[in-house]
Structure formats: structure tokens, C-alpha cells
Amino acid sequence: MVLFGCHMTGELVFNTAMSGYQEVLTDPSYRGQIVMMTAPEIGNVGVNPETSSRIGLTAPLRVRDLSPLASNWRAQGTLPI
């Protein structure tokens, strides 16, 4: 398992979305919570700052497998570790 975003303790909440992890990471409703994605692999489409109006992480994210490569043509980077 990978936990990135910050070191903290808090309420663990689950998100069952198969995509949209960039929106989950910047959603202020998750502030103070640790988000665990139920999708098996996260990060394979990368991140694109143009698709999100908020800057910066609002919640740490816990995933099972973090993809080291972004395969989307619009990706400008990968998720930080």
C-alpha cells in the first residue's frame, strides 16, 4: 500500500470511483480524512493541472498499486510519491 500527500492520523474513508482521483485529491470535503481508493491501480492516466480548478492536495491518498507511468496524452505529470 502507498500513502502519500502527508503524514497524519485521521478518519479513513473509501472512494469507489474508477477514475477521477485528481478531483478526489483536491476536493475540500475530504480535508482531515485519509482517502482509500478501491480501484486496483491509481495514477495510470497521470495528472493535468488544466482539468482541476484547485491547486494542491487536500487529503492524503492510500492506494494498493500506484502506476509509475502516465499513459494519457494530456498528462503533464504523474502523482507525487
PDB file of N, CA and C in Angstrom:
ATOM      1  N   MET A   1       0.841  -1.177   0.000  1.00  0.00           N
ATOM      2  CA  MET A   1       0.000   0.000   0.000  1.00  0.00           C
ATOM      3  C   MET A   1       0.886   1.241   0.000  1.00  0.00           C
ATOM      4  N   VAL A   2       0.403   2.286  -0.625  1.00  0.00           N
ATOM      5  CA  VAL A   2       1.125   3.541  -0.702  1.00  0.00           C
ATOM      6  C   VAL A   2       0.265   4.619  -0.075  1.00  0.00           C
ATOM      7  N   LEU A   3       0.848   5.412   0.798  1.00  0.00           N
ATOM      8  CA  LEU A   3       0.158   6.561   1.371  1.00  0.00           C
ATOM      9  C   LEU A   3       0.993   7.774   1.051  1.00  0.00           C
ATOM     10  N   PHE A   4       0.429   8.705   0.322  1.00  0.00           N
ATOM     11  CA  PHE A   4       1.178   9.910   0.026  1.00  0.00           C
ATOM     12  C   PHE A   4       0.282  11.117   0.168  1.00  0.00           C
ATOM     13  N   GLY A   5       0.878  12.274   0.271  1.00  0.00           N
ATOM     14  CA  GLY A   5       0.135  13.508   0.486  1.00  0.00           C
ATOM     15  C   GLY A   5       0.617  14.186   1.749  1.00  0.00           C
ATOM     16  N   CYS A   6       0.754  13.443   2.828  1.00  0.00           N
ATOM     17  CA  CYS A   6       1.309  13.940   4.084  1.00  0.00           C
ATOM     18  C   CYS A   6       1.301  12.814   5.106  1.00  0.00           C
ATOM     19  N   HIS A   7       1.931  13.054   6.232  1.00  0.00           N
ATOM     20  CA  HIS A   7       1.923  12.086   7.325  1.00  0.00           C
ATOM     21  C   HIS A   7       0.910  12.567   8.351  1.00  0.00           C
ATOM     22  N   MET A   8      -0.104  11.752   8.617  1.00  0.00           N
ATOM     23  CA  MET A   8      -1.134  12.175   9.553  1.00  0.00           C
ATOM     24  C   MET A   8      -1.935  10.984  10.031  1.00  0.00           C
ATOM     25  N   THR A   9      -2.683  11.208  11.076  1.00  0.00           N
ATOM     26  CA  THR A   9      -3.690  10.250  11.502  1.00  0.00           C
ATOM     27  C   THR A   9      -5.036  10.907  11.254  1.00  0.00           C
ATOM     28  N   GLY A  10      -6.039  10.114  11.002  1.00  0.00           N
ATOM     29  CA  GLY A  10      -7.353  10.662  10.739  1.00  0.00           C
ATOM     30  C   GLY A  10      -8.340   9.582  10.368  1.00  0.00           C
ATOM     31  N   GLU A  11      -9.516  10.011  10.039  1.00  0.00           N
ATOM     32  CA  GLU A  11     -10.581   9.099   9.634  1.00  0.00           C
ATOM     33  C   GLU A  11     -10.274   8.531   8.251  1.00  0.00           C
ATOM     34  N   LEU A  12     -10.377   7.219   8.116  1.00  0.00           N
ATOM     35  CA  LEU A  12     -10.168   6.563   6.826  1.00  0.00           C
ATOM     36  C   LEU A  12     -11.511   6.440   6.121  1.00  0.00           C
ATOM     37  N   VAL A  13     -11.604   7.006   4.908  1.00  0.00           N
ATOM     38  CA  VAL A  13     -12.834   6.930   4.123  1.00  0.00           C
ATOM     39  C   VAL A  13     -12.520   6.247   2.796  1.00  0.00           C
ATOM     40  N   PHE A  14     -13.511   5.593   2.236  1.00  0.00           N
ATOM     41  CA  PHE A  14     -13.335   4.856   0.984  1.00  0.00           C
ATOM     42  C   PHE A  14     -13.985   5.610  -0.165  1.00  0.00           C
ATOM     43  N   ASN A  15     -13.340   5.552  -1.325  1.00  0.00           N
ATOM     44  CA  ASN A  15     -13.898   6.118  -2.544  1.00  0.00           C
ATOM     45  C   ASN A  15     -13.902   5.007  -3.582  1.00  0.00           C
ATOM     46  N   THR A  16     -15.071   4.732  -4.165  1.00  0.00           N
ATOM     47  CA  THR A  16     -15.214   3.616  -5.103  1.00  0.00           C
ATOM     48  C   THR A  16     -15.129   4.036  -6.563  1.00  0.00           C
ATOM     49  N   ALA A  17     -14.760   5.280  -6.842  1.00  0.00           N
ATOM     50  CA  ALA A  17     -14.659   5.739  -8.226  1.00  0.00           C
ATOM     51  C   ALA A  17     -13.538   5.008  -8.954  1.00  0.00           C
ATOM     52  N   MET A  18     -13.787   4.682 -10.209  1.00  0.00           N
ATOM     53  CA  MET A  18     -12.767   4.022 -11.028  1.00  0.00           C
ATOM     54  C   MET A  18     -11.828   5.049 -11.685  1.00  0.00           C
ATOM     55  N   SER A  19     -12.251   6.292 -11.728  1.00  0.00           N
ATOM     56  CA  SER A  19     -11.419   7.353 -12.283  1.00  0.00           C
ATOM     57  C   SER A  19     -11.726   8.632 -11.511  1.00  0.00           C
ATOM     58  N   GLY A  20     -11.024   9.683 -11.813  1.00  0.00           N
ATOM     59  CA  GLY A  20     -11.272  10.957 -11.152  1.00  0.00           C
ATOM     60  C   GLY A  20     -10.489  11.144  -9.865  1.00  0.00           C
ATOM     61  N   TYR A  21      -9.362  10.439  -9.720  1.00  0.00           N
ATOM     62  CA  TYR A  21      -8.585  10.565  -8.495  1.00  0.00           C
ATOM     63  C   TYR A  21      -8.027  11.973  -8.319  1.00  0.00           C
ATOM     64  N   GLN A  22      -7.779  12.693  -9.403  1.00  0.00           N
ATOM     65  CA  GLN A  22      -7.276  14.060  -9.295  1.00  0.00           C
ATOM     66  C   GLN A  22      -8.323  14.951  -8.636  1.00  0.00           C
ATOM     67  N   GLU A  23      -9.579  14.753  -8.973  1.00  0.00           N
ATOM     68  CA  GLU A  23     -10.651  15.528  -8.351  1.00  0.00           C
ATOM     69  C   GLU A  23     -10.812  15.159  -6.882  1.00  0.00           C
ATOM     70  N   VAL A  24     -10.660  13.868  -6.557  1.00  0.00           N
ATOM     71  CA  VAL A  24     -10.758  13.420  -5.162  1.00  0.00           C
ATOM     72  C   VAL A  24      -9.658  14.066  -4.332  1.00  0.00           C
ATOM     73  N   LEU A  25      -8.448  14.124  -4.864  1.00  0.00           N
ATOM     74  CA  LEU A  25      -7.319  14.691  -4.128  1.00  0.00           C
ATOM     75  C   LEU A  25      -7.485  16.177  -3.838  1.00  0.00           C
ATOM     76  N   THR A  26      -8.222  16.888  -4.677  1.00  0.00           N
ATOM     77  CA  THR A  26      -8.370  18.330  -4.497  1.00  0.00           C
ATOM     78  C   THR A  26      -9.745  18.717  -3.958  1.00  0.00           C
ATOM     79  N   ASP A  27     -10.570  17.747  -3.594  1.00  0.00           N
ATOM     80  CA  ASP A  27     -11.915  18.012  -3.076  1.00  0.00           C
ATOM     81  C   ASP A  27     -11.832  18.434  -1.610  1.00  0.00           C
ATOM     82  N   PRO A  28     -12.257  19.662  -1.278  1.00  0.00           N
ATOM     83  CA  PRO A  28     -12.150  20.128   0.106  1.00  0.00           C
ATOM     84  C   PRO A  28     -13.019  19.355   1.103  1.00  0.00           C
ATOM     85  N   SER A  29     -13.995  18.588   0.633  1.00  0.00           N
ATOM     86  CA  SER A  29     -14.827  17.819   1.562  1.00  0.00           C
ATOM     87  C   SER A  29     -14.050  16.677   2.213  1.00  0.00           C
ATOM     88  N   TYR A  30     -12.891  16.321   1.663  1.00  0.00           N
ATOM     89  CA  TYR A  30     -12.061  15.259   2.235  1.00  0.00           C
ATOM     90  C   TYR A  30     -11.003  15.785   3.209  1.00  0.00           C
ATOM     91  N   ARG A  31     -10.992  17.088   3.473  1.00  0.00           N
ATOM     92  CA  ARG A  31      -9.983  17.664   4.367  1.00  0.00           C
ATOM     93  C   ARG A  31     -10.054  16.994   5.740  1.00  0.00           C
ATOM     94  N   GLY A  32      -8.899  16.586   6.252  1.00  0.00           N
ATOM     95  CA  GLY A  32      -8.826  15.935   7.551  1.00  0.00           C
ATOM     96  C   GLY A  32      -9.094  14.441   7.513  1.00  0.00           C
ATOM     97  N   GLN A  33      -9.324  13.901   6.323  1.00  0.00           N
ATOM     98  CA  GLN A  33      -9.588  12.479   6.183  1.00  0.00           C
ATOM     99  C   GLN A  33      -8.497  11.851   5.317  1.00  0.00           C
ATOM    100  N   ILE A  34      -8.328  10.550   5.448  1.00  0.00           N
ATOM    101  CA  ILE A  34      -7.418   9.786   4.600  1.00  0.00           C
ATOM    102  C   ILE A  34      -8.296   9.018   3.618  1.00  0.00           C
ATOM    103  N   VAL A  35      -8.103   9.257   2.338  1.00  0.00           N
ATOM    104  CA  VAL A  35      -8.942   8.638   1.313  1.00  0.00           C
ATOM    105  C   VAL A  35      -8.274   7.354   0.823  1.00  0.00           C
ATOM    106  N   MET A  36      -9.031   6.267   0.851  1.00  0.00           N
ATOM    107  CA  MET A  36      -8.547   4.995   0.316  1.00  0.00           C
ATOM    108  C   MET A  36      -9.348   4.673  -0.937  1.00  0.00           C
ATOM    109  N   MET A  37      -8.659   4.560  -2.048  1.00  0.00           N
ATOM    110  CA  MET A  37      -9.313   4.238  -3.306  1.00  0.00           C
ATOM    111  C   MET A  37      -9.490   2.724  -3.393  1.00  0.00           C
ATOM    112  N   THR A  38     -10.650   2.292  -3.873  1.00  0.00           N
ATOM    113  CA  THR A  38     -10.907   0.859  -4.004  1.00  0.00           C
ATOM    114  C   THR A  38     -10.524   0.320  -5.377  1.00  0.00           C
ATOM    115  N   ALA A  39     -10.258   1.193  -6.340  1.00  0.00           N
ATOM    116  CA  ALA A  39      -9.791   0.746  -7.654  1.00  0.00           C
ATOM    117  C   ALA A  39      -8.398   0.138  -7.486  1.00  0.00           C
ATOM    118  N   PRO A  40      -8.067  -0.935  -8.233  1.00  0.00           N
ATOM    119  CA  PRO A  40      -6.803  -1.632  -8.016  1.00  0.00           C
ATOM    120  C   PRO A  40      -5.559  -0.838  -8.389  1.00  0.00           C
ATOM    121  N   GLU A  41      -5.633   0.048  -9.373  1.00  0.00           N
ATOM    122  CA  GLU A  41      -4.457   0.814  -9.772  1.00  0.00           C
ATOM    123  C   GLU A  41      -4.846   2.271  -9.958  1.00  0.00           C
ATOM    124  N   ILE A  42      -4.068   3.146  -9.402  1.00  0.00           N
ATOM    125  CA  ILE A  42      -4.319   4.580  -9.466  1.00  0.00           C
ATOM    126  C   ILE A  42      -3.101   5.254 -10.088  1.00  0.00           C
ATOM    127  N   GLY A  43      -3.337   6.269 -10.888  1.00  0.00           N
ATOM    128  CA  GLY A  43      -2.253   7.059 -11.457  1.00  0.00           C
ATOM    129  C   GLY A  43      -1.908   6.748 -12.885  1.00  0.00           C
ATOM    130  N   ASN A  44      -2.579   5.786 -13.514  1.00  0.00           N
ATOM    131  CA  ASN A  44      -2.182   5.386 -14.857  1.00  0.00           C
ATOM    132  C   ASN A  44      -2.545   6.406 -15.936  1.00  0.00           C
ATOM    133  N   VAL A  45      -3.398   7.375 -15.640  1.00  0.00           N
ATOM    134  CA  VAL A  45      -3.675   8.427 -16.624  1.00  0.00           C
ATOM    135  C   VAL A  45      -2.955   9.727 -16.281  1.00  0.00           C
ATOM    136  N   GLY A  46      -2.196   9.756 -15.200  1.00  0.00           N
ATOM    137  CA  GLY A  46      -1.406  10.926 -14.836  1.00  0.00           C
ATOM    138  C   GLY A  46      -2.256  12.057 -14.280  1.00  0.00           C
ATOM    139  N   VAL A  47      -1.666  13.235 -14.239  1.00  0.00           N
ATOM    140  CA  VAL A  47      -2.352  14.428 -13.753  1.00  0.00           C
ATOM    141  C   VAL A  47      -2.210  15.541 -14.779  1.00  0.00           C
ATOM    142  N   ASN A  48      -3.191  16.417 -14.804  1.00  0.00           N
ATOM    143  CA  ASN A  48      -3.202  17.549 -15.709  1.00  0.00           C
ATOM    144  C   ASN A  48      -3.744  18.747 -14.943  1.00  0.00           C
ATOM    145  N   PRO A  49      -2.920  19.761 -14.665  1.00  0.00           N
ATOM    146  CA  PRO A  49      -3.383  20.909 -13.893  1.00  0.00           C
ATOM    147  C   PRO A  49      -4.521  21.692 -14.558  1.00  0.00           C
ATOM    148  N   GLU A  50      -4.685  21.555 -15.862  1.00  0.00           N
ATOM    149  CA  GLU A  50      -5.749  22.281 -16.553  1.00  0.00           C
ATOM    150  C   GLU A  50      -7.136  21.722 -16.249  1.00  0.00           C
ATOM    151  N   THR A  51      -7.226  20.469 -15.799  1.00  0.00           N
ATOM    152  CA  THR A  51      -8.529  19.860 -15.548  1.00  0.00           C
ATOM    153  C   THR A  51      -9.011  20.056 -14.126  1.00  0.00           C
ATOM    154  N   SER A  52      -8.217  20.666 -13.273  1.00  0.00           N
ATOM    155  CA  SER A  52      -8.619  20.884 -11.888  1.00  0.00           C
ATOM    156  C   SER A  52      -8.503  22.361 -11.558  1.00  0.00           C
ATOM    157  N   SER A  53      -9.530  22.923 -10.955  1.00  0.00           N
ATOM    158  CA  SER A  53      -9.516  24.343 -10.625  1.00  0.00           C
ATOM    159  C   SER A  53      -8.801  24.604  -9.304  1.00  0.00           C
ATOM    160  N   ARG A  54      -8.595  23.580  -8.495  1.00  0.00           N
ATOM    161  CA  ARG A  54      -7.931  23.750  -7.200  1.00  0.00           C
ATOM    162  C   ARG A  54      -6.485  23.284  -7.310  1.00  0.00           C
ATOM    163  N   ILE A  55      -5.634  23.946  -6.557  1.00  0.00           N
ATOM    164  CA  ILE A  55      -4.221  23.591  -6.580  1.00  0.00           C
ATOM    165  C   ILE A  55      -3.849  22.997  -5.234  1.00  0.00           C
ATOM    166  N   GLY A  56      -3.132  21.894  -5.253  1.00  0.00           N
ATOM    167  CA  GLY A  56      -2.640  21.279  -4.033  1.00  0.00           C
ATOM    168  C   GLY A  56      -3.537  20.180  -3.506  1.00  0.00           C
ATOM    169  N   LEU A  57      -2.951  19.314  -2.714  1.00  0.00           N
ATOM    170  CA  LEU A  57      -3.678  18.195  -2.134  1.00  0.00           C
ATOM    171  C   LEU A  57      -4.454  18.656  -0.911  1.00  0.00           C
ATOM    172  N   THR A  58      -5.675  18.197  -0.771  1.00  0.00           N
ATOM    173  CA  THR A  58      -6.450  18.483   0.431  1.00  0.00           C
ATOM    174  C   THR A  58      -6.564  17.260   1.317  1.00  0.00           C
ATOM    175  N   ALA A  59      -6.240  16.069   0.787  1.00  0.00           N
ATOM    176  CA  ALA A  59      -6.351  14.839   1.563  1.00  0.00           C
ATOM    177  C   ALA A  59      -5.253  13.877   1.154  1.00  0.00           C
ATOM    178  N   PRO A  60      -4.680  13.154   2.115  1.00  0.00           N
ATOM    179  CA  PRO A  60      -3.750  12.094   1.732  1.00  0.00           C
ATOM    180  C   PRO A  60      -4.514  10.956   1.073  1.00  0.00           C
ATOM    181  N   LEU A  61      -3.849  10.212   0.232  1.00  0.00           N
ATOM    182  CA  LEU A  61      -4.470   9.152  -0.549  1.00  0.00           C
ATOM    183  C   LEU A  61      -3.734   7.845  -0.306  1.00  0.00           C
ATOM    184  N   ARG A  62      -4.503   6.793  -0.059  1.00  0.00           N
ATOM    185  CA  ARG A  62      -3.918   5.465   0.118  1.00  0.00           C
ATOM    186  C   ARG A  62      -4.401   4.589  -1.032  1.00  0.00           C
ATOM    187  N   VAL A  63      -3.460   3.966  -1.722  1.00  0.00           N
ATOM    188  CA  VAL A  63      -3.795   3.129  -2.874  1.00  0.00           C
ATOM    189  C   VAL A  63      -3.032   1.813  -2.777  1.00  0.00           C
ATOM    190  N   ARG A  64      -3.528   0.797  -3.469  1.00  0.00           N
ATOM    191  CA  ARG A  64      -2.855  -0.508  -3.487  1.00  0.00           C
ATOM    192  C   ARG A  64      -1.664  -0.492  -4.439  1.00  0.00           C
ATOM    193  N   ASP A  65      -1.883  -0.084  -5.674  1.00  0.00           N
ATOM    194  CA  ASP A  65      -0.819  -0.016  -6.672  1.00  0.00           C
ATOM    195  C   ASP A  65      -0.809   1.367  -7.301  1.00  0.00           C
ATOM    196  N   LEU A  66       0.308   2.058  -7.191  1.00  0.00           N
ATOM    197  CA  LEU A  66       0.468   3.373  -7.802  1.00  0.00           C
ATOM    198  C   LEU A  66       1.248   3.201  -9.093  1.00  0.00           C
ATOM    199  N   SER A  67       0.638   3.573 -10.206  1.00  0.00           N
ATOM    200  CA  SER A  67       1.286   3.426 -11.503  1.00  0.00           C
ATOM    201  C   SER A  67       2.451   4.412 -11.620  1.00  0.00           C
ATOM    202  N   PRO A  68       3.636   3.922 -12.000  1.00  0.00           N
ATOM    203  CA  PRO A  68       4.782   4.821 -12.135  1.00  0.00           C
ATOM    204  C   PRO A  68       4.779   5.605 -13.451  1.00  0.00           C
ATOM    205  N   LEU A  69       3.937   5.206 -14.399  1.00  0.00           N
ATOM    206  CA  LEU A  69       3.899   5.856 -15.706  1.00  0.00           C
ATOM    207  C   LEU A  69       2.502   6.380 -16.004  1.00  0.00           C
ATOM    208  N   ALA A  70       2.444   7.522 -16.649  1.00  0.00           N
ATOM    209  CA  ALA A  70       1.171   8.086 -17.106  1.00  0.00           C
ATOM    210  C   ALA A  70       1.013   7.767 -18.588  1.00  0.00           C
ATOM    211  N   SER A  71      -0.159   7.255 -18.965  1.00  0.00           N
ATOM    212  CA  SER A  71      -0.345   6.845 -20.356  1.00  0.00           C
ATOM    213  C   SER A  71      -1.345   7.706 -21.118  1.00  0.00           C
ATOM    214  N   ASN A  72      -1.823   8.789 -20.533  1.00  0.00           N
ATOM    215  CA  ASN A  72      -2.780   9.666 -21.203  1.00  0.00           C
ATOM    216  C   ASN A  72      -2.027  10.750 -21.955  1.00  0.00           C
ATOM    217  N   TRP A  73      -2.460  11.056 -23.160  1.00  0.00           N
ATOM    218  CA  TRP A  73      -1.775  12.061 -23.973  1.00  0.00           C
ATOM    219  C   TRP A  73      -1.867  13.464 -23.374  1.00  0.00           C
ATOM    220  N   ARG A  74      -2.856  13.699 -22.501  1.00  0.00           N
ATOM    221  CA  ARG A  74      -2.994  15.020 -21.867  1.00  0.00           C
ATOM    222  C   ARG A  74      -2.209  15.129 -20.557  1.00  0.00           C
ATOM    223  N   ALA A  75      -1.655  14.037 -20.070  1.00  0.00           N
ATOM    224  CA  ALA A  75      -0.948  14.049 -18.787  1.00  0.00           C
ATOM    225  C   ALA A  75       0.282  14.953 -18.846  1.00  0.00           C
ATOM    226  N   GLN A  76       0.428  15.769 -17.821  1.00  0.00           N
ATOM    227  CA  GLN A  76       1.606  16.630 -17.712  1.00  0.00           C
ATOM    228  C   GLN A  76       2.527  16.175 -16.582  1.00  0.00           C
ATOM    229  N   GLY A  77       2.170  15.081 -15.948  1.00  0.00           N
ATOM    230  CA  GLY A  77       2.996  14.554 -14.875  1.00  0.00           C
ATOM    231  C   GLY A  77       2.345  13.322 -14.262  1.00  0.00           C
ATOM    232  N   THR A  78       2.989  12.788 -13.237  1.00  0.00           N
ATOM    233  CA  THR A  78       2.466  11.640 -12.515  1.00  0.00           C
ATOM    234  C   THR A  78       2.137  12.082 -11.090  1.00  0.00           C
ATOM    235  N   LEU A  79       1.453  11.221 -10.360  1.00  0.00           N
ATOM    236  CA  LEU A  79       1.145  11.529  -8.969  1.00  0.00           C
ATOM    237  C   LEU A  79       2.431  11.542  -8.153  1.00  0.00           C
ATOM    238  N   PRO A  80       2.548  12.492  -7.216  1.00  0.00           N
ATOM    239  CA  PRO A  80       3.759  12.534  -6.383  1.00  0.00           C
ATOM    240  C   PRO A  80       3.761  11.378  -5.392  1.00  0.00           C
ATOM    241  N   ILE A  81       4.927  10.908  -5.067  1.00  0.00           N
ATOM    242  CA  ILE A  81       5.049   9.836  -4.073  1.00  0.00           C
ATOM    243  C   ILE A  81       5.503  10.436  -2.775  1.00  0.00           C
TER     244      ILE A  81
END
